[in-house]
Amino acid sequence: MTYYSDASTLPVAWMKAKGSNPNENCVECAGHAEVIVVRDSKDPNGPAHAHTKGQFDAFLAAVAGGTLVPVV
């Protein structure tokens, strides 16, 4: 995983789910240099994390399949 300290400096078009409320907290994603970059929508100048397509696909599959384990 690659870490970027200021997501707003990345030359990408950020996207979030169509069903998200524009005034609510959400994660945003973007494609960048063959990776998927993720940031917190309420902190656009905050950090972002880059993941390979395989890592991101595995995350989406876990979300869709309900197999994520909560971190306490």
N, C-alpha and C. Protein backbone atom coordinates (compact mmCIF):
# COMPACT_ATOMS: atom_id res chain seq x y z
N MET A 1 0.85 -1.17 0.00
CA MET A 1 0.00 0.00 0.00
C MET A 1 0.90 1.23 0.00
N THR A 2 0.51 2.20 -0.80
CA THR A 2 1.22 3.47 -0.86
C THR A 2 0.40 4.53 -0.13
N TYR A 3 1.06 5.39 0.59
CA TYR A 3 0.42 6.43 1.38
C TYR A 3 0.74 7.79 0.78
N TYR A 4 -0.28 8.62 0.60
CA TYR A 4 -0.10 10.00 0.16
C TYR A 4 -0.59 10.91 1.29
N SER A 5 0.20 11.86 1.70
CA SER A 5 -0.18 12.71 2.84
C SER A 5 -1.25 13.74 2.49
N ASP A 6 -1.35 14.15 1.23
CA ASP A 6 -2.35 15.14 0.81
C ASP A 6 -3.02 14.67 -0.47
N ALA A 7 -4.21 14.11 -0.32
CA ALA A 7 -4.93 13.54 -1.47
C ALA A 7 -5.27 14.59 -2.53
N SER A 8 -5.40 15.85 -2.12
CA SER A 8 -5.80 16.89 -3.08
C SER A 8 -4.71 17.18 -4.11
N THR A 9 -3.50 16.72 -3.86
CA THR A 9 -2.41 16.97 -4.81
C THR A 9 -2.35 15.93 -5.93
N LEU A 10 -3.13 14.87 -5.82
CA LEU A 10 -3.10 13.82 -6.84
C LEU A 10 -3.89 14.26 -8.07
N PRO A 11 -3.36 14.03 -9.26
CA PRO A 11 -4.03 14.44 -10.50
C PRO A 11 -5.09 13.41 -10.93
N VAL A 12 -6.17 13.33 -10.14
CA VAL A 12 -7.21 12.33 -10.39
C VAL A 12 -8.59 12.97 -10.31
N ALA A 13 -9.58 12.27 -10.83
CA ALA A 13 -10.99 12.67 -10.70
C ALA A 13 -11.61 11.77 -9.64
N TRP A 14 -11.89 12.31 -8.46
CA TRP A 14 -12.44 11.53 -7.36
C TRP A 14 -13.90 11.19 -7.62
N MET A 15 -14.30 9.98 -7.23
CA MET A 15 -15.68 9.50 -7.40
C MET A 15 -16.16 8.89 -6.10
N LYS A 16 -17.48 8.98 -5.87
CA LYS A 16 -18.07 8.25 -4.76
C LYS A 16 -19.36 7.61 -5.23
N ALA A 17 -19.91 6.74 -4.43
CA ALA A 17 -21.09 5.97 -4.84
C ALA A 17 -22.25 6.89 -5.22
N LYS A 18 -22.97 6.50 -6.26
CA LYS A 18 -24.14 7.27 -6.71
C LYS A 18 -25.18 7.41 -5.60
N GLY A 19 -25.30 6.39 -4.77
CA GLY A 19 -26.30 6.39 -3.72
C GLY A 19 -25.90 7.14 -2.45
N SER A 20 -24.70 7.70 -2.43
CA SER A 20 -24.27 8.39 -1.22
C SER A 20 -24.91 9.77 -1.12
N ASN A 21 -25.11 10.22 0.09
CA ASN A 21 -25.66 11.55 0.34
C ASN A 21 -24.52 12.55 0.22
N PRO A 22 -24.67 13.59 -0.60
CA PRO A 22 -23.57 14.54 -0.78
C PRO A 22 -23.12 15.23 0.51
N ASN A 23 -23.98 15.27 1.51
CA ASN A 23 -23.64 15.95 2.76
C ASN A 23 -23.17 15.00 3.86
N GLU A 24 -23.04 13.73 3.55
CA GLU A 24 -22.63 12.74 4.54
C GLU A 24 -21.19 12.29 4.30
N ASN A 25 -20.62 11.67 5.30
CA ASN A 25 -19.27 11.13 5.19
C ASN A 25 -19.26 9.95 4.24
N CYS A 26 -18.25 9.86 3.46
CA CYS A 26 -18.14 8.79 2.47
C CYS A 26 -16.68 8.63 2.10
N VAL A 27 -16.34 7.51 1.51
CA VAL A 27 -15.02 7.38 0.93
C VAL A 27 -15.12 7.70 -0.56
N GLU A 28 -14.05 8.21 -1.10
CA GLU A 28 -13.97 8.50 -2.53
C GLU A 28 -12.83 7.69 -3.11
N CYS A 29 -12.98 7.29 -4.36
CA CYS A 29 -11.97 6.48 -5.03
C CYS A 29 -11.59 7.13 -6.36
N ALA A 30 -10.40 6.80 -6.82
CA ALA A 30 -9.93 7.28 -8.11
C ALA A 30 -8.88 6.32 -8.64
N GLY A 31 -8.79 6.22 -9.96
CA GLY A 31 -7.72 5.46 -10.58
C GLY A 31 -6.51 6.36 -10.74
N HIS A 32 -5.33 5.83 -10.41
CA HIS A 32 -4.10 6.61 -10.49
C HIS A 32 -2.91 5.67 -10.69
N ALA A 33 -2.24 5.80 -11.81
CA ALA A 33 -1.01 5.05 -12.08
C ALA A 33 -1.18 3.55 -11.80
N GLU A 34 -2.22 2.95 -12.35
CA GLU A 34 -2.48 1.51 -12.26
C GLU A 34 -2.83 1.04 -10.84
N VAL A 35 -3.27 1.95 -9.98
CA VAL A 35 -3.74 1.59 -8.65
C VAL A 35 -5.07 2.31 -8.39
N ILE A 36 -5.75 1.91 -7.33
CA ILE A 36 -6.96 2.57 -6.89
C ILE A 36 -6.60 3.36 -5.63
N VAL A 37 -6.90 4.66 -5.65
CA VAL A 37 -6.59 5.53 -4.53
C VAL A 37 -7.89 5.81 -3.77
N VAL A 38 -7.83 5.78 -2.43
CA VAL A 38 -9.01 5.96 -1.59
C VAL A 38 -8.73 7.08 -0.59
N ARG A 39 -9.74 7.96 -0.41
CA ARG A 39 -9.62 9.03 0.58
C ARG A 39 -10.95 9.21 1.30
N ASP A 40 -10.93 9.95 2.39
CA ASP A 40 -12.11 10.29 3.17
C ASP A 40 -12.72 11.56 2.58
N SER A 41 -13.99 11.52 2.17
CA SER A 41 -14.60 12.66 1.51
C SER A 41 -14.69 13.89 2.41
N LYS A 42 -14.77 13.71 3.72
CA LYS A 42 -14.87 14.86 4.61
C LYS A 42 -13.52 15.53 4.85
N ASP A 43 -12.44 14.92 4.34
CA ASP A 43 -11.10 15.47 4.50
C ASP A 43 -10.34 15.40 3.17
N PRO A 44 -10.77 16.19 2.17
CA PRO A 44 -10.17 16.08 0.84
C PRO A 44 -8.69 16.45 0.78
N ASN A 45 -8.20 17.20 1.76
CA ASN A 45 -6.77 17.53 1.80
C ASN A 45 -5.99 16.58 2.71
N GLY A 46 -6.69 15.58 3.24
CA GLY A 46 -6.05 14.61 4.12
C GLY A 46 -5.38 13.50 3.33
N PRO A 47 -5.03 12.44 4.02
CA PRO A 47 -4.28 11.35 3.39
C PRO A 47 -5.13 10.51 2.44
N ALA A 48 -4.43 9.81 1.58
CA ALA A 48 -5.04 8.83 0.67
C ALA A 48 -4.16 7.59 0.67
N HIS A 49 -4.77 6.46 0.40
CA HIS A 49 -4.04 5.19 0.34
C HIS A 49 -4.25 4.59 -1.04
N ALA A 50 -3.21 4.08 -1.64
CA ALA A 50 -3.29 3.45 -2.95
C ALA A 50 -3.20 1.93 -2.80
N HIS A 51 -4.06 1.24 -3.52
CA HIS A 51 -4.12 -0.22 -3.48
C HIS A 51 -4.10 -0.77 -4.90
N THR A 52 -3.52 -1.95 -5.06
CA THR A 52 -3.53 -2.58 -6.38
C THR A 52 -4.97 -2.94 -6.74
N LYS A 53 -5.21 -3.18 -8.00
CA LYS A 53 -6.55 -3.58 -8.43
C LYS A 53 -6.97 -4.88 -7.74
N GLY A 54 -6.05 -5.81 -7.58
CA GLY A 54 -6.35 -7.07 -6.90
C GLY A 54 -6.75 -6.86 -5.45
N GLN A 55 -6.03 -5.98 -4.75
CA GLN A 55 -6.38 -5.68 -3.36
C GLN A 55 -7.76 -5.03 -3.27
N PHE A 56 -8.02 -4.10 -4.16
CA PHE A 56 -9.30 -3.38 -4.12
C PHE A 56 -10.44 -4.32 -4.50
N ASP A 57 -10.23 -5.18 -5.49
CA ASP A 57 -11.25 -6.17 -5.87
C ASP A 57 -11.57 -7.11 -4.71
N ALA A 58 -10.55 -7.51 -3.97
CA ALA A 58 -10.77 -8.39 -2.81
C ALA A 58 -11.57 -7.66 -1.74
N PHE A 59 -11.29 -6.39 -1.52
CA PHE A 59 -12.06 -5.59 -0.57
C PHE A 59 -13.52 -5.50 -0.99
N LEU A 60 -13.77 -5.18 -2.26
CA LEU A 60 -15.14 -5.08 -2.75
C LEU A 60 -15.88 -6.41 -2.64
N ALA A 61 -15.20 -7.51 -2.91
CA ALA A 61 -15.82 -8.82 -2.80
C ALA A 61 -16.19 -9.11 -1.34
N ALA A 62 -15.33 -8.71 -0.41
CA ALA A 62 -15.62 -8.91 1.01
C ALA A 62 -16.81 -8.08 1.46
N VAL A 63 -16.89 -6.84 0.97
CA VAL A 63 -18.03 -5.99 1.29
C VAL A 63 -19.32 -6.61 0.74
N ALA A 64 -19.28 -6.98 -0.53
CA ALA A 64 -20.47 -7.56 -1.17
C ALA A 64 -20.88 -8.89 -0.53
N GLY A 65 -19.90 -9.67 -0.10
CA GLY A 65 -20.18 -10.97 0.48
C GLY A 65 -20.45 -10.96 1.97
N GLY A 66 -20.34 -9.79 2.59
CA GLY A 66 -20.58 -9.69 4.02
C GLY A 66 -19.56 -10.39 4.89
N THR A 67 -18.33 -10.51 4.39
CA THR A 67 -17.32 -11.26 5.14
C THR A 67 -16.31 -10.37 5.87
N LEU A 68 -16.53 -9.07 5.90
CA LEU A 68 -15.62 -8.19 6.63
C LEU A 68 -15.80 -8.40 8.13
N VAL A 69 -14.71 -8.37 8.84
CA VAL A 69 -14.76 -8.53 10.30
C VAL A 69 -14.53 -7.15 10.92
N PRO A 70 -15.44 -6.68 11.78
CA PRO A 70 -15.24 -5.36 12.40
C PRO A 70 -13.98 -5.31 13.24
N VAL A 71 -13.30 -4.19 13.19
CA VAL A 71 -12.11 -3.96 14.01
C VAL A 71 -12.57 -3.19 15.24
N VAL A 72 -12.24 -3.71 16.40
CA VAL A 72 -12.69 -3.07 17.64
C VAL A 72 -11.55 -2.32 18.28
